[in-house]
Amino acid sequence: MNSLTTQLSAFQADFKARVAPERLAMMENATAQLRLSGVEQTAMALGAALPDVGLQDATGHDVSLKALHAGKTTVVIFYRGGWCPYCNLELRAWQSLLPGLQKFGAQLIAISPQLPDNSLSTAEKNELAYPVLSDSSLAAATAFGIAFTLPPELVDLYSKVGNDLPTINGNGQWVLPIPATFVVDESGKVMYRHVESDYRQRAEPSDVLELLRGHFR
């Protein structure tokens, strides 16, 4: 199987070949402005404690992030939603390496702002065997320091292509998490972070697996 980075790059190249240059320029500018905001630097730092925030599982039941952690090394993925093709590639890539994580006694949790019904659809579509949680209140994204409000030009674009985020996420807001990956150790402290303003780039799951292999050696 190709690396996630290779799959993301291939999708991006195909997308660029199909989309009008002015639309691409607008999206690139929005990404550049997000990077300039400094969110990558101000997001939850290494050594920070896992916040105790409430989420919902894919069936709508309330769950606590700390209770889910339960003293286990935990990989926490923030993704934008099932409507994002880059996110679906990422979720499936992690699914393929899930046995490797479990061999170390580690667990994987994916979080997005979409409502539980949409999280359930995402899990079923991608055949995911790990928890896919809903952060409609944006409590988790805010606690991790990765929530951002979409600029007007992206709101207009997303509306035109049918990604009505205020409805999909059930919170009436045009707010998303920056796609990010955090690894939390047994004590509940962040031991790895990957926060990237460009939503087309994600942490490479195999790299995280290598990190864990060293951690548990």
N, C-alpha and C. Protein backbone atom coordinates (compact mmCIF):
# COMPACT_ATOMS: atom_id res chain seq x y z
N MET A 1 0.84 -1.20 0.00
CA MET A 1 0.00 0.00 0.00
C MET A 1 0.88 1.25 0.00
N ASN A 2 0.54 2.22 -0.84
CA ASN A 2 1.29 3.47 -0.88
C ASN A 2 1.16 4.23 0.44
N SER A 3 2.18 5.01 0.76
CA SER A 3 2.13 5.82 1.97
C SER A 3 0.98 6.81 1.87
N LEU A 4 0.53 7.31 3.01
CA LEU A 4 -0.53 8.32 3.01
C LEU A 4 -0.07 9.56 2.26
N THR A 5 1.18 9.96 2.47
CA THR A 5 1.70 11.14 1.78
C THR A 5 1.62 10.99 0.27
N THR A 6 1.94 9.81 -0.24
CA THR A 6 1.86 9.55 -1.67
C THR A 6 0.42 9.62 -2.16
N GLN A 7 -0.50 9.05 -1.40
CA GLN A 7 -1.91 9.08 -1.78
C GLN A 7 -2.46 10.51 -1.79
N LEU A 8 -2.11 11.29 -0.77
CA LEU A 8 -2.57 12.67 -0.70
C LEU A 8 -2.02 13.50 -1.85
N SER A 9 -0.75 13.28 -2.19
CA SER A 9 -0.12 14.03 -3.28
C SER A 9 -0.78 13.69 -4.62
N ALA A 10 -1.11 12.41 -4.81
CA ALA A 10 -1.76 11.99 -6.06
C ALA A 10 -3.14 12.62 -6.18
N PHE A 11 -3.88 12.64 -5.08
CA PHE A 11 -5.21 13.25 -5.12
C PHE A 11 -5.11 14.75 -5.40
N GLN A 12 -4.14 15.39 -4.76
CA GLN A 12 -3.95 16.83 -4.95
C GLN A 12 -3.61 17.15 -6.40
N ALA A 13 -2.75 16.34 -7.01
CA ALA A 13 -2.37 16.58 -8.40
C ALA A 13 -3.57 16.44 -9.33
N ASP A 14 -4.39 15.43 -9.07
CA ASP A 14 -5.59 15.23 -9.88
C ASP A 14 -6.57 16.39 -9.70
N PHE A 15 -6.71 16.85 -8.46
CA PHE A 15 -7.61 17.96 -8.17
C PHE A 15 -7.16 19.23 -8.90
N LYS A 16 -5.87 19.50 -8.85
CA LYS A 16 -5.33 20.69 -9.52
C LYS A 16 -5.58 20.66 -11.03
N ALA A 17 -5.57 19.46 -11.60
CA ALA A 17 -5.77 19.32 -13.04
C ALA A 17 -7.22 19.57 -13.44
N ARG A 18 -8.14 19.48 -12.46
CA ARG A 18 -9.57 19.57 -12.77
C ARG A 18 -10.20 20.90 -12.39
N VAL A 19 -9.52 21.69 -11.57
CA VAL A 19 -10.14 22.87 -10.98
C VAL A 19 -9.64 24.15 -11.63
N ALA A 20 -10.54 25.13 -11.72
CA ALA A 20 -10.19 26.42 -12.32
C ALA A 20 -9.05 27.08 -11.55
N PRO A 21 -8.10 27.69 -12.26
CA PRO A 21 -6.94 28.32 -11.61
C PRO A 21 -7.31 29.36 -10.56
N GLU A 22 -8.37 30.15 -10.82
CA GLU A 22 -8.74 31.18 -9.85
C GLU A 22 -9.25 30.58 -8.54
N ARG A 23 -9.92 29.42 -8.63
CA ARG A 23 -10.38 28.74 -7.42
C ARG A 23 -9.18 28.20 -6.64
N LEU A 24 -8.24 27.64 -7.36
CA LEU A 24 -7.03 27.14 -6.71
C LEU A 24 -6.28 28.27 -6.01
N ALA A 25 -6.16 29.40 -6.68
CA ALA A 25 -5.44 30.54 -6.11
C ALA A 25 -6.12 31.02 -4.83
N MET A 26 -7.45 31.05 -4.84
CA MET A 26 -8.18 31.48 -3.65
C MET A 26 -7.94 30.53 -2.48
N MET A 27 -7.97 29.22 -2.77
CA MET A 27 -7.76 28.23 -1.71
C MET A 27 -6.33 28.28 -1.17
N GLU A 28 -5.38 28.47 -2.07
CA GLU A 28 -3.98 28.57 -1.64
C GLU A 28 -3.78 29.80 -0.74
N ASN A 29 -4.43 30.90 -1.11
CA ASN A 29 -4.31 32.12 -0.32
C ASN A 29 -4.92 31.93 1.06
N ALA A 30 -6.06 31.24 1.14
CA ALA A 30 -6.70 30.99 2.43
C ALA A 30 -5.80 30.15 3.33
N THR A 31 -5.14 29.16 2.73
CA THR A 31 -4.21 28.32 3.50
C THR A 31 -3.02 29.14 3.99
N ALA A 32 -2.50 30.00 3.12
CA ALA A 32 -1.36 30.84 3.50
C ALA A 32 -1.74 31.78 4.65
N GLN A 33 -2.93 32.35 4.60
CA GLN A 33 -3.38 33.25 5.67
C GLN A 33 -3.55 32.50 6.98
N LEU A 34 -4.03 31.27 6.91
CA LEU A 34 -4.18 30.47 8.12
C LEU A 34 -2.82 30.19 8.74
N ARG A 35 -1.84 29.89 7.90
CA ARG A 35 -0.50 29.64 8.41
C ARG A 35 0.07 30.89 9.09
N LEU A 36 -0.18 32.05 8.48
CA LEU A 36 0.32 33.30 9.04
C LEU A 36 -0.33 33.65 10.39
N SER A 37 -1.47 33.04 10.67
CA SER A 37 -2.16 33.32 11.94
C SER A 37 -1.38 32.80 13.14
N GLY A 38 -0.44 31.87 12.88
CA GLY A 38 0.37 31.34 13.96
C GLY A 38 -0.25 30.18 14.72
N VAL A 39 -1.35 29.64 14.21
CA VAL A 39 -2.06 28.58 14.92
C VAL A 39 -1.20 27.32 15.10
N GLU A 40 -0.30 27.08 14.16
CA GLU A 40 0.56 25.89 14.30
C GLU A 40 1.42 25.97 15.55
N GLN A 41 1.85 27.19 15.88
CA GLN A 41 2.71 27.39 17.04
C GLN A 41 1.92 27.44 18.35
N THR A 42 0.69 27.94 18.29
CA THR A 42 -0.08 28.13 19.52
C THR A 42 -0.96 26.93 19.87
N ALA A 43 -1.05 25.94 18.99
CA ALA A 43 -1.81 24.73 19.30
C ALA A 43 -1.16 23.99 20.47
N MET A 44 -1.88 23.04 21.04
CA MET A 44 -1.41 22.31 22.21
C MET A 44 0.02 21.82 22.04
N ALA A 45 0.85 22.11 23.03
CA ALA A 45 2.28 21.86 22.93
C ALA A 45 2.66 20.48 23.46
N LEU A 46 3.86 20.07 23.12
CA LEU A 46 4.42 18.84 23.69
C LEU A 46 4.49 18.98 25.21
N GLY A 47 4.12 17.92 25.91
CA GLY A 47 4.15 17.94 27.36
C GLY A 47 2.86 18.43 28.00
N ALA A 48 1.95 19.00 27.19
CA ALA A 48 0.67 19.47 27.72
C ALA A 48 -0.19 18.29 28.15
N ALA A 49 -1.07 18.54 29.11
CA ALA A 49 -1.95 17.49 29.62
C ALA A 49 -3.20 17.36 28.75
N LEU A 50 -3.63 16.13 28.57
CA LEU A 50 -4.85 15.86 27.80
C LEU A 50 -6.02 16.57 28.47
N PRO A 51 -6.76 17.41 27.75
CA PRO A 51 -7.90 18.10 28.36
C PRO A 51 -9.07 17.16 28.60
N ASP A 52 -9.85 17.45 29.62
CA ASP A 52 -11.02 16.64 29.92
C ASP A 52 -12.23 17.29 29.26
N VAL A 53 -12.50 16.89 28.04
CA VAL A 53 -13.61 17.48 27.28
C VAL A 53 -14.64 16.40 26.96
N GLY A 54 -15.87 16.82 26.80
CA GLY A 54 -16.95 15.91 26.45
C GLY A 54 -17.14 15.83 24.95
N LEU A 55 -17.40 14.63 24.47
CA LEU A 55 -17.66 14.37 23.06
C LEU A 55 -18.86 13.45 22.96
N GLN A 56 -19.25 13.11 21.74
CA GLN A 56 -20.29 12.11 21.52
C GLN A 56 -19.74 11.04 20.59
N ASP A 57 -20.11 9.78 20.88
CA ASP A 57 -19.71 8.73 19.96
C ASP A 57 -20.65 8.71 18.76
N ALA A 58 -20.42 7.79 17.84
CA ALA A 58 -21.17 7.77 16.58
C ALA A 58 -22.64 7.40 16.77
N THR A 59 -22.99 6.92 17.96
CA THR A 59 -24.40 6.62 18.24
C THR A 59 -25.06 7.71 19.07
N GLY A 60 -24.31 8.79 19.35
CA GLY A 60 -24.88 9.93 20.06
C GLY A 60 -24.73 9.89 21.57
N HIS A 61 -24.02 8.90 22.10
CA HIS A 61 -23.81 8.82 23.55
C HIS A 61 -22.65 9.73 23.97
N ASP A 62 -22.81 10.36 25.13
CA ASP A 62 -21.78 11.24 25.66
C ASP A 62 -20.58 10.42 26.14
N VAL A 63 -19.39 10.90 25.81
CA VAL A 63 -18.16 10.25 26.27
C VAL A 63 -17.17 11.33 26.70
N SER A 64 -16.27 10.96 27.59
CA SER A 64 -15.23 11.86 28.07
C SER A 64 -13.92 11.46 27.44
N LEU A 65 -13.17 12.43 26.94
CA LEU A 65 -11.89 12.13 26.31
C LEU A 65 -10.92 11.52 27.32
N LYS A 66 -10.92 12.03 28.55
CA LYS A 66 -10.03 11.47 29.56
C LYS A 66 -10.44 10.05 29.93
N ALA A 67 -11.74 9.80 30.00
CA ALA A 67 -12.19 8.45 30.31
C ALA A 67 -11.81 7.48 29.20
N LEU A 68 -11.87 7.94 27.96
CA LEU A 68 -11.46 7.09 26.83
C LEU A 68 -9.96 6.82 26.87
N HIS A 69 -9.20 7.80 27.28
CA HIS A 69 -7.74 7.63 27.38
C HIS A 69 -7.41 6.51 28.36
N ALA A 70 -7.95 6.60 29.56
CA ALA A 70 -7.88 5.53 30.56
C ALA A 70 -6.48 4.96 30.75
N GLY A 71 -5.49 5.82 30.72
CA GLY A 71 -4.13 5.37 30.99
C GLY A 71 -3.46 4.64 29.84
N LYS A 72 -4.04 4.69 28.65
CA LYS A 72 -3.44 4.05 27.49
C LYS A 72 -2.78 5.08 26.59
N THR A 73 -1.68 4.72 25.96
CA THR A 73 -1.13 5.58 24.92
C THR A 73 -2.18 5.72 23.83
N THR A 74 -2.50 6.96 23.47
CA THR A 74 -3.63 7.24 22.59
C THR A 74 -3.22 8.17 21.45
N VAL A 75 -3.53 7.75 20.24
CA VAL A 75 -3.36 8.60 19.07
C VAL A 75 -4.69 9.32 18.82
N VAL A 76 -4.66 10.63 18.84
CA VAL A 76 -5.86 11.44 18.63
C VAL A 76 -5.73 12.16 17.29
N ILE A 77 -6.65 11.87 16.38
CA ILE A 77 -6.66 12.50 15.06
C ILE A 77 -7.83 13.48 14.99
N PHE A 78 -7.57 14.70 14.60
CA PHE A 78 -8.63 15.65 14.29
C PHE A 78 -8.75 15.75 12.77
N TYR A 79 -9.94 15.50 12.26
CA TYR A 79 -10.17 15.62 10.81
C TYR A 79 -11.37 16.52 10.57
N ARG A 80 -11.52 17.00 9.35
CA ARG A 80 -12.53 18.03 9.05
C ARG A 80 -13.94 17.46 8.94
N GLY A 81 -14.06 16.26 8.37
CA GLY A 81 -15.37 15.64 8.22
C GLY A 81 -15.38 14.64 7.08
N GLY A 82 -16.42 13.84 7.02
CA GLY A 82 -16.52 12.81 5.99
C GLY A 82 -16.66 13.37 4.59
N TRP A 83 -16.96 14.66 4.45
CA TRP A 83 -17.10 15.31 3.15
C TRP A 83 -15.73 15.63 2.54
N CYS A 84 -14.66 15.50 3.35
CA CYS A 84 -13.30 15.88 2.91
C CYS A 84 -12.57 14.66 2.39
N PRO A 85 -12.24 14.61 1.09
CA PRO A 85 -11.57 13.42 0.55
C PRO A 85 -10.20 13.17 1.15
N TYR A 86 -9.49 14.22 1.51
CA TYR A 86 -8.18 14.04 2.14
C TYR A 86 -8.34 13.36 3.50
N CYS A 87 -9.40 13.73 4.21
CA CYS A 87 -9.66 13.11 5.51
C CYS A 87 -9.98 11.63 5.37
N ASN A 88 -10.76 11.27 4.36
CA ASN A 88 -11.10 9.87 4.17
C ASN A 88 -9.88 9.03 3.84
N LEU A 89 -8.97 9.58 3.05
CA LEU A 89 -7.71 8.89 2.77
C LEU A 89 -6.93 8.67 4.07
N GLU A 90 -6.91 9.70 4.91
CA GLU A 90 -6.20 9.60 6.18
C GLU A 90 -6.82 8.55 7.10
N LEU A 91 -8.13 8.57 7.21
CA LEU A 91 -8.81 7.63 8.10
C LEU A 91 -8.58 6.18 7.67
N ARG A 92 -8.60 5.94 6.37
CA ARG A 92 -8.37 4.58 5.86
C ARG A 92 -6.91 4.16 6.06
N ALA A 93 -6.00 5.09 5.92
CA ALA A 93 -4.58 4.77 6.13
C ALA A 93 -4.34 4.35 7.58
N TRP A 94 -4.97 5.04 8.50
CA TRP A 94 -4.84 4.66 9.91
C TRP A 94 -5.48 3.30 10.18
N GLN A 95 -6.61 3.05 9.54
CA GLN A 95 -7.27 1.75 9.73
C GLN A 95 -6.33 0.61 9.32
N SER A 96 -5.57 0.81 8.26
CA SER A 96 -4.69 -0.26 7.77
C SER A 96 -3.56 -0.55 8.76
N LEU A 97 -3.21 0.44 9.61
CA LEU A 97 -2.13 0.24 10.58
C LEU A 97 -2.65 0.01 11.99
N LEU A 98 -3.96 -0.11 12.13
CA LEU A 98 -4.55 -0.29 13.46
C LEU A 98 -3.98 -1.50 14.19
N PRO A 99 -3.79 -2.66 13.53
CA PRO A 99 -3.23 -3.81 14.25
C PRO A 99 -1.86 -3.52 14.84
N GLY A 100 -1.05 -2.72 14.14
CA GLY A 100 0.26 -2.35 14.65
C GLY A 100 0.17 -1.52 15.92
N LEU A 101 -0.78 -0.59 15.95
CA LEU A 101 -1.00 0.20 17.16
C LEU A 101 -1.44 -0.68 18.32
N GLN A 102 -2.38 -1.54 18.03
CA GLN A 102 -2.94 -2.39 19.08
C GLN A 102 -1.90 -3.36 19.64
N LYS A 103 -0.94 -3.74 18.83
CA LYS A 103 0.12 -4.63 19.29
C LYS A 103 0.91 -3.99 20.42
N PHE A 104 1.02 -2.65 20.40
CA PHE A 104 1.72 -1.94 21.45
C PHE A 104 0.80 -1.57 22.62
N GLY A 105 -0.47 -1.95 22.52
CA GLY A 105 -1.42 -1.58 23.55
C GLY A 105 -1.91 -0.15 23.42
N ALA A 106 -1.62 0.47 22.27
CA ALA A 106 -2.07 1.84 22.01
C ALA A 106 -3.45 1.82 21.36
N GLN A 107 -4.13 2.95 21.43
CA GLN A 107 -5.45 3.06 20.83
C GLN A 107 -5.52 4.30 19.95
N LEU A 108 -6.54 4.31 19.10
CA LEU A 108 -6.72 5.38 18.12
C LEU A 108 -8.11 5.96 18.26
N ILE A 109 -8.18 7.29 18.26
CA ILE A 109 -9.45 8.01 18.35
C ILE A 109 -9.46 9.09 17.27
N ALA A 110 -10.53 9.17 16.49
CA ALA A 110 -10.67 10.22 15.47
C ALA A 110 -11.80 11.17 15.88
N ILE A 111 -11.57 12.46 15.72
CA ILE A 111 -12.53 13.48 16.15
C ILE A 111 -12.78 14.47 15.02
N SER A 112 -14.05 14.77 14.79
CA SER A 112 -14.42 15.83 13.86
C SER A 112 -15.62 16.58 14.44
N PRO A 113 -15.93 17.78 13.91
CA PRO A 113 -17.07 18.53 14.43
C PRO A 113 -18.42 18.05 13.91
N GLN A 114 -18.44 17.10 12.99
CA GLN A 114 -19.73 16.70 12.41
C GLN A 114 -20.60 15.97 13.43
N LEU A 115 -21.90 16.02 13.22
CA LEU A 115 -22.86 15.39 14.12
C LEU A 115 -22.68 13.87 14.14
N PRO A 116 -23.14 13.20 15.22
CA PRO A 116 -22.96 11.75 15.33
C PRO A 116 -23.44 10.95 14.13
N ASP A 117 -24.58 11.31 13.56
CA ASP A 117 -25.07 10.56 12.39
C ASP A 117 -24.08 10.63 11.24
N ASN A 118 -23.47 11.78 11.05
CA ASN A 118 -22.48 11.92 9.99
C ASN A 118 -21.19 11.19 10.34
N SER A 119 -20.84 11.16 11.63
CA SER A 119 -19.67 10.38 12.06
C SER A 119 -19.90 8.90 11.81
N LEU A 120 -21.11 8.43 12.08
CA LEU A 120 -21.44 7.03 11.85
C LEU A 120 -21.32 6.69 10.36
N SER A 121 -21.80 7.58 9.52
CA SER A 121 -21.70 7.37 8.07
C SER A 121 -20.24 7.30 7.63
N THR A 122 -19.41 8.18 8.20
CA THR A 122 -17.98 8.19 7.87
C THR A 122 -17.33 6.87 8.28
N ALA A 123 -17.66 6.40 9.49
CA ALA A 123 -17.07 5.15 9.98
C ALA A 123 -17.49 3.97 9.12
N GLU A 124 -18.76 3.95 8.72
CA GLU A 124 -19.27 2.83 7.91
C GLU A 124 -18.68 2.87 6.51
N LYS A 125 -18.64 4.05 5.91
CA LYS A 125 -18.13 4.19 4.55
C LYS A 125 -16.67 3.76 4.45
N ASN A 126 -15.89 4.09 5.46
CA ASN A 126 -14.46 3.78 5.44
C ASN A 126 -14.11 2.49 6.18
N GLU A 127 -15.14 1.79 6.68
CA GLU A 127 -14.95 0.51 7.39
C GLU A 127 -13.94 0.66 8.52
N LEU A 128 -14.21 1.62 9.39
CA LEU A 128 -13.28 1.92 10.48
C LEU A 128 -13.63 1.11 11.72
N ALA A 129 -12.59 0.57 12.35
CA ALA A 129 -12.78 -0.25 13.55
C ALA A 129 -12.25 0.47 14.79
N TYR A 130 -12.23 1.78 14.75
CA TYR A 130 -11.82 2.57 15.90
C TYR A 130 -12.84 3.69 16.12
N PRO A 131 -12.89 4.26 17.32
CA PRO A 131 -13.91 5.27 17.63
C PRO A 131 -13.81 6.51 16.75
N VAL A 132 -14.95 6.93 16.22
CA VAL A 132 -15.06 8.16 15.44
C VAL A 132 -16.02 9.06 16.22
N LEU A 133 -15.47 10.10 16.82
CA LEU A 133 -16.22 10.90 17.78
C LEU A 133 -16.62 12.26 17.22
N SER A 134 -17.70 12.79 17.78
CA SER A 134 -18.24 14.07 17.33
C SER A 134 -17.95 15.18 18.34
N ASP A 135 -17.44 16.27 17.81
CA ASP A 135 -17.09 17.45 18.60
C ASP A 135 -17.89 18.65 18.09
N SER A 136 -19.20 18.46 18.02
CA SER A 136 -20.07 19.50 17.46
C SER A 136 -19.95 20.81 18.25
N SER A 137 -19.72 20.71 19.54
CA SER A 137 -19.59 21.91 20.38
C SER A 137 -18.25 22.61 20.16
N LEU A 138 -17.32 21.93 19.48
CA LEU A 138 -15.96 22.42 19.23
C LEU A 138 -15.14 22.55 20.51
N ALA A 139 -15.60 21.88 21.58
CA ALA A 139 -14.88 21.95 22.86
C ALA A 139 -13.49 21.35 22.74
N ALA A 140 -13.38 20.20 22.06
CA ALA A 140 -12.09 19.55 21.93
C ALA A 140 -11.16 20.35 21.01
N ALA A 141 -11.68 20.77 19.85
CA ALA A 141 -10.86 21.55 18.91
C ALA A 141 -10.35 22.83 19.57
N THR A 142 -11.20 23.45 20.37
CA THR A 142 -10.79 24.68 21.07
C THR A 142 -9.76 24.38 22.14
N ALA A 143 -9.97 23.29 22.91
CA ALA A 143 -9.03 22.94 23.98
C ALA A 143 -7.65 22.60 23.43
N PHE A 144 -7.62 21.97 22.23
CA PHE A 144 -6.34 21.64 21.61
C PHE A 144 -5.75 22.83 20.84
N GLY A 145 -6.51 23.92 20.76
CA GLY A 145 -6.01 25.13 20.11
C GLY A 145 -5.96 25.08 18.60
N ILE A 146 -6.85 24.28 17.99
CA ILE A 146 -6.78 24.12 16.53
C ILE A 146 -8.07 24.53 15.81
N ALA A 147 -9.01 25.15 16.51
CA ALA A 147 -10.25 25.60 15.86
C ALA A 147 -10.00 26.93 15.15
N PHE A 148 -10.57 27.06 13.96
CA PHE A 148 -10.45 28.33 13.24
C PHE A 148 -11.73 28.60 12.46
N THR A 149 -12.03 29.88 12.27
CA THR A 149 -13.21 30.30 11.52
C THR A 149 -12.85 30.47 10.06
N LEU A 150 -13.65 29.88 9.18
CA LEU A 150 -13.37 29.96 7.75
C LEU A 150 -13.54 31.40 7.26
N PRO A 151 -12.67 31.87 6.38
CA PRO A 151 -12.82 33.21 5.80
C PRO A 151 -14.02 33.23 4.85
N PRO A 152 -14.55 34.43 4.56
CA PRO A 152 -15.75 34.54 3.73
C PRO A 152 -15.65 33.85 2.38
N GLU A 153 -14.46 33.88 1.75
CA GLU A 153 -14.34 33.28 0.43
C GLU A 153 -14.48 31.75 0.49
N LEU A 154 -14.03 31.13 1.58
CA LEU A 154 -14.21 29.69 1.72
C LEU A 154 -15.65 29.35 2.10
N VAL A 155 -16.27 30.20 2.90
CA VAL A 155 -17.69 29.99 3.21
C VAL A 155 -18.50 29.98 1.92
N ASP A 156 -18.22 30.92 1.05
CA ASP A 156 -18.93 31.01 -0.22
C ASP A 156 -18.66 29.77 -1.07
N LEU A 157 -17.41 29.34 -1.16
CA LEU A 157 -17.06 28.17 -1.96
C LEU A 157 -17.71 26.91 -1.40
N TYR A 158 -17.59 26.68 -0.10
CA TYR A 158 -18.14 25.47 0.49
C TYR A 158 -19.66 25.44 0.34
N SER A 159 -20.28 26.60 0.45
CA SER A 159 -21.74 26.66 0.26
C SER A 159 -22.12 26.24 -1.15
N LYS A 160 -21.36 26.71 -2.12
CA LYS A 160 -21.67 26.42 -3.52
C LYS A 160 -21.50 24.94 -3.86
N VAL A 161 -20.55 24.27 -3.19
CA VAL A 161 -20.31 22.85 -3.51
C VAL A 161 -21.09 21.91 -2.59
N GLY A 162 -21.94 22.48 -1.75
CA GLY A 162 -22.84 21.64 -0.95
C GLY A 162 -22.31 21.24 0.42
N ASN A 163 -21.20 21.83 0.84
CA ASN A 163 -20.67 21.52 2.18
C ASN A 163 -21.17 22.56 3.17
N ASP A 164 -22.43 22.39 3.60
CA ASP A 164 -23.07 23.32 4.52
C ASP A 164 -22.64 22.96 5.95
N LEU A 165 -21.48 23.44 6.35
CA LEU A 165 -20.89 23.03 7.62
C LEU A 165 -21.75 23.36 8.83
N PRO A 166 -22.43 24.51 8.88
CA PRO A 166 -23.27 24.78 10.05
C PRO A 166 -24.35 23.71 10.26
N THR A 167 -24.82 23.11 9.16
CA THR A 167 -25.82 22.05 9.26
C THR A 167 -25.16 20.69 9.49
N ILE A 168 -24.11 20.39 8.73
CA ILE A 168 -23.39 19.11 8.88
C ILE A 168 -22.89 18.95 10.32
N ASN A 169 -22.43 20.05 10.90
CA ASN A 169 -21.85 20.00 12.24
C ASN A 169 -22.87 20.33 13.33
N GLY A 170 -24.03 20.81 12.92
CA GLY A 170 -25.12 21.04 13.88
C GLY A 170 -24.87 22.14 14.88
N ASN A 171 -23.95 23.05 14.57
CA ASN A 171 -23.66 24.11 15.55
C ASN A 171 -23.85 25.52 14.99
N GLY A 172 -24.28 25.61 13.73
CA GLY A 172 -24.54 26.91 13.13
C GLY A 172 -23.30 27.74 12.86
N GLN A 173 -22.12 27.10 12.89
CA GLN A 173 -20.87 27.86 12.74
C GLN A 173 -20.04 27.37 11.55
N TRP A 174 -19.32 28.31 10.96
CA TRP A 174 -18.35 27.98 9.92
C TRP A 174 -16.98 27.85 10.57
N VAL A 175 -16.85 26.87 11.42
CA VAL A 175 -15.61 26.64 12.17
C VAL A 175 -15.17 25.20 11.98
N LEU A 176 -13.87 25.01 11.75
CA LEU A 176 -13.30 23.68 11.58
C LEU A 176 -12.05 23.54 12.44
N PRO A 177 -11.65 22.30 12.73
CA PRO A 177 -10.33 22.10 13.31
C PRO A 177 -9.29 22.02 12.19
N ILE A 178 -8.11 22.53 12.44
CA ILE A 178 -7.01 22.24 11.53
C ILE A 178 -6.71 20.74 11.66
N PRO A 179 -6.62 19.99 10.57
CA PRO A 179 -6.29 18.57 10.70
C PRO A 179 -4.99 18.41 11.50
N ALA A 180 -5.04 17.61 12.55
CA ALA A 180 -3.90 17.48 13.45
C ALA A 180 -3.86 16.09 14.06
N THR A 181 -2.67 15.68 14.44
CA THR A 181 -2.48 14.39 15.10
C THR A 181 -1.67 14.61 16.37
N PHE A 182 -2.17 14.07 17.47
CA PHE A 182 -1.48 14.14 18.75
C PHE A 182 -1.33 12.72 19.29
N VAL A 183 -0.19 12.42 19.87
CA VAL A 183 -0.01 11.16 20.59
C VAL A 183 0.12 11.50 22.07
N VAL A 184 -0.73 10.88 22.87
CA VAL A 184 -0.78 11.14 24.31
C VAL A 184 -0.27 9.89 25.03
N ASP A 185 0.71 10.06 25.90
CA ASP A 185 1.29 8.89 26.57
C ASP A 185 0.41 8.39 27.70
N GLU A 186 0.89 7.38 28.40
CA GLU A 186 0.08 6.74 29.44
C GLU A 186 -0.28 7.69 30.57
N SER A 187 0.57 8.69 30.81
CA SER A 187 0.31 9.64 31.89
C SER A 187 -0.63 10.77 31.47
N GLY A 188 -1.01 10.77 30.19
CA GLY A 188 -1.92 11.81 29.71
C GLY A 188 -1.23 13.04 29.20
N LYS A 189 0.08 12.94 28.87
CA LYS A 189 0.82 14.08 28.35
C LYS A 189 1.10 13.91 26.85
N VAL A 190 1.06 15.02 26.13
CA VAL A 190 1.31 14.99 24.69
C VAL A 190 2.78 14.68 24.43
N MET A 191 3.07 13.60 23.70
CA MET A 191 4.44 13.22 23.39
C MET A 191 4.77 13.42 21.91
N TYR A 192 3.75 13.74 21.11
CA TYR A 192 3.94 13.98 19.67
C TYR A 192 2.81 14.87 19.20
N ARG A 193 3.13 15.78 18.29
CA ARG A 193 2.09 16.63 17.70
C ARG A 193 2.43 16.88 16.24
N HIS A 194 1.41 16.91 15.40
CA HIS A 194 1.57 17.29 14.00
C HIS A 194 0.40 18.21 13.68
N VAL A 195 0.68 19.48 13.57
CA VAL A 195 -0.34 20.50 13.30
C VAL A 195 0.10 21.23 12.04
N GLU A 196 -0.70 21.14 11.00
CA GLU A 196 -0.31 21.67 9.68
C GLU A 196 -1.47 22.46 9.09
N SER A 197 -1.21 23.73 8.78
CA SER A 197 -2.27 24.60 8.25
C SER A 197 -2.79 24.13 6.90
N ASP A 198 -1.96 23.46 6.13
CA ASP A 198 -2.37 22.95 4.82
C ASP A 198 -3.13 21.64 5.01
N TYR A 199 -4.45 21.69 4.81
CA TYR A 199 -5.30 20.52 5.06
C TYR A 199 -4.97 19.33 4.16
N ARG A 200 -4.15 19.56 3.13
CA ARG A 200 -3.77 18.48 2.22
C ARG A 200 -2.58 17.67 2.74
N GLN A 201 -2.02 18.11 3.86
CA GLN A 201 -0.87 17.41 4.44
C GLN A 201 -1.26 16.86 5.82
N ARG A 202 -0.89 15.63 6.08
CA ARG A 202 -1.23 14.97 7.33
C ARG A 202 0.00 14.24 7.89
N ALA A 203 -0.06 13.90 9.16
CA ALA A 203 0.99 13.07 9.74
C ALA A 203 1.01 11.73 9.02
N GLU A 204 2.20 11.20 8.80
CA GLU A 204 2.32 9.88 8.17
C GLU A 204 2.12 8.81 9.25
N PRO A 205 1.07 7.99 9.14
CA PRO A 205 0.81 6.99 10.18
C PRO A 205 1.98 6.08 10.47
N SER A 206 2.72 5.68 9.45
CA SER A 206 3.86 4.77 9.68
C SER A 206 4.94 5.44 10.53
N ASP A 207 5.09 6.78 10.40
CA ASP A 207 6.06 7.50 11.22
C ASP A 207 5.64 7.47 12.69
N VAL A 208 4.33 7.63 12.93
CA VAL A 208 3.82 7.57 14.30
C VAL A 208 4.01 6.17 14.87
N LEU A 209 3.81 5.18 14.04
CA LEU A 209 4.01 3.80 14.49
C LEU A 209 5.46 3.57 14.89
N GLU A 210 6.39 4.13 14.13
CA GLU A 210 7.81 4.01 14.47
C GLU A 210 8.11 4.71 15.80
N LEU A 211 7.49 5.86 16.01
CA LEU A 211 7.65 6.57 17.28
C LEU A 211 7.19 5.69 18.44
N LEU A 212 6.07 5.04 18.29
CA LEU A 212 5.54 4.19 19.34
C LEU A 212 6.41 2.96 19.54
N ARG A 213 6.95 2.45 18.46
CA ARG A 213 7.84 1.29 18.59
C ARG A 213 9.04 1.65 19.48
N GLY A 214 9.58 2.85 19.30
CA GLY A 214 10.67 3.30 20.14
C GLY A 214 10.22 3.54 21.57
N HIS A 215 9.00 4.07 21.74
CA HIS A 215 8.46 4.38 23.05
C HIS A 215 8.28 3.12 23.89
N PHE A 216 7.85 2.04 23.25
CA PHE A 216 7.55 0.81 23.98
C PHE A 216 8.73 -0.17 24.00
N ARG A 217 9.85 0.21 23.40
CA ARG A 217 11.01 -0.70 23.34
C ARG A 217 11.54 -0.98 24.74
